[in-house]
Protein backbone atom coordinates (compact mmCIF):
# COMPACT_ATOMS: atom_id res chain seq x y z
CA MET A 1 65.92 1.59 36.56
CA GLU A 2 66.19 4.12 33.99
CA ASN A 3 69.06 1.82 32.91
CA ARG A 4 66.58 -1.33 32.56
CA ILE A 5 64.05 0.18 30.52
CA ASN A 6 66.90 1.59 27.98
CA GLU A 7 68.57 -2.46 27.47
CA ILE A 8 64.62 -3.06 27.01
CA LYS A 9 64.25 -0.08 24.73
CA GLY A 10 67.10 -1.26 22.82
CA PHE A 11 66.60 -4.55 22.58
CA ILE A 12 62.87 -3.79 21.18
CA ASN A 13 64.60 -1.58 18.52
CA ASN A 14 67.33 -4.74 17.82
CA LYS A 15 64.68 -7.42 17.36
CA TYR A 16 60.98 -5.65 16.41
CA SER A 17 59.91 -6.23 13.11
CA ALA A 18 56.93 -4.35 11.68
CA ARG A 19 56.98 -7.89 8.64
CA LYS A 20 56.97 -10.37 10.59
CA CYS A 21 53.77 -9.55 12.94
CA GLY A 22 51.85 -9.82 9.24
CA TRP A 23 52.60 -13.34 9.08
CA THR A 24 50.63 -15.84 8.27
CA SER A 25 50.52 -19.65 8.00
CA GLN A 26 49.83 -18.80 4.41
CA ARG A 27 53.04 -17.48 4.03
CA SER A 28 54.49 -20.73 4.60
CA GLU A 29 51.94 -23.31 2.67
CA GLY A 30 53.69 -25.91 0.68
CA ASN A 31 56.74 -25.67 3.25
CA TYR A 32 54.65 -26.37 6.52
CA ASP A 33 58.45 -26.71 8.35
CA ASP A 34 57.96 -22.86 8.54
CA CYS A 35 54.49 -22.44 10.22
CA PHE A 36 56.25 -22.70 13.87
CA SER A 37 59.08 -20.23 13.14
CA ASP A 38 56.61 -18.02 11.10
CA GLY A 39 54.06 -18.22 14.14
CA TYR A 40 56.74 -17.29 16.96
CA GLU A 41 58.48 -14.92 14.89
CA CYS A 42 55.39 -12.95 14.10
CA GLY A 43 54.12 -13.39 18.17
CA VAL A 44 57.31 -12.25 18.89
CA SER A 45 57.49 -9.15 17.81
CA SER A 46 53.91 -8.47 18.11
CA VAL A 47 54.36 -8.43 22.12
CA LEU A 48 57.78 -6.07 21.33
CA TYR A 49 54.95 -3.86 19.94
CA ASP A 50 53.04 -3.74 22.61
CA ILE A 51 55.91 -3.37 25.79
CA GLY A 52 57.50 -0.99 22.73
CA ILE A 53 54.08 0.92 23.21
CA ILE A 54 53.61 0.72 26.26
CA LEU A 55 57.33 2.28 27.46
CA GLY A 56 56.16 5.29 24.96
CA MET A 57 58.21 3.92 22.11
CA GLU A 58 57.00 4.85 18.88
CA LEU A 59 58.09 1.92 16.33
CA GLU A 60 56.61 1.12 13.07
CA VAL A 61 53.08 0.13 12.84
CA PRO A 62 52.72 -3.60 11.83
CA ASP A 63 51.82 -4.80 8.83
CA GLU A 64 48.67 -6.38 8.74
CA PRO A 65 48.20 -10.17 7.78
CA ASP A 66 47.71 -10.38 4.02
CA TYR A 67 45.40 -13.96 3.72
CA ASP A 68 44.69 -13.64 0.05
CA TYR A 69 47.47 -14.94 -1.14
């Protein structure tokens, strides 16, 4: 079980991006093909952050969305 938890922690360390947690639809304005990808990346990083915190990991705090572009 401990080995599996370490695998999950390694996955989170490799895939989590605090910067992507702040991505909004405004980031893709003018390039609407990116809206889905940006939303997906934002959601994945947000979930990875939550799981990492549950596992007791120290992760960079997620960026807040910037709605004032």
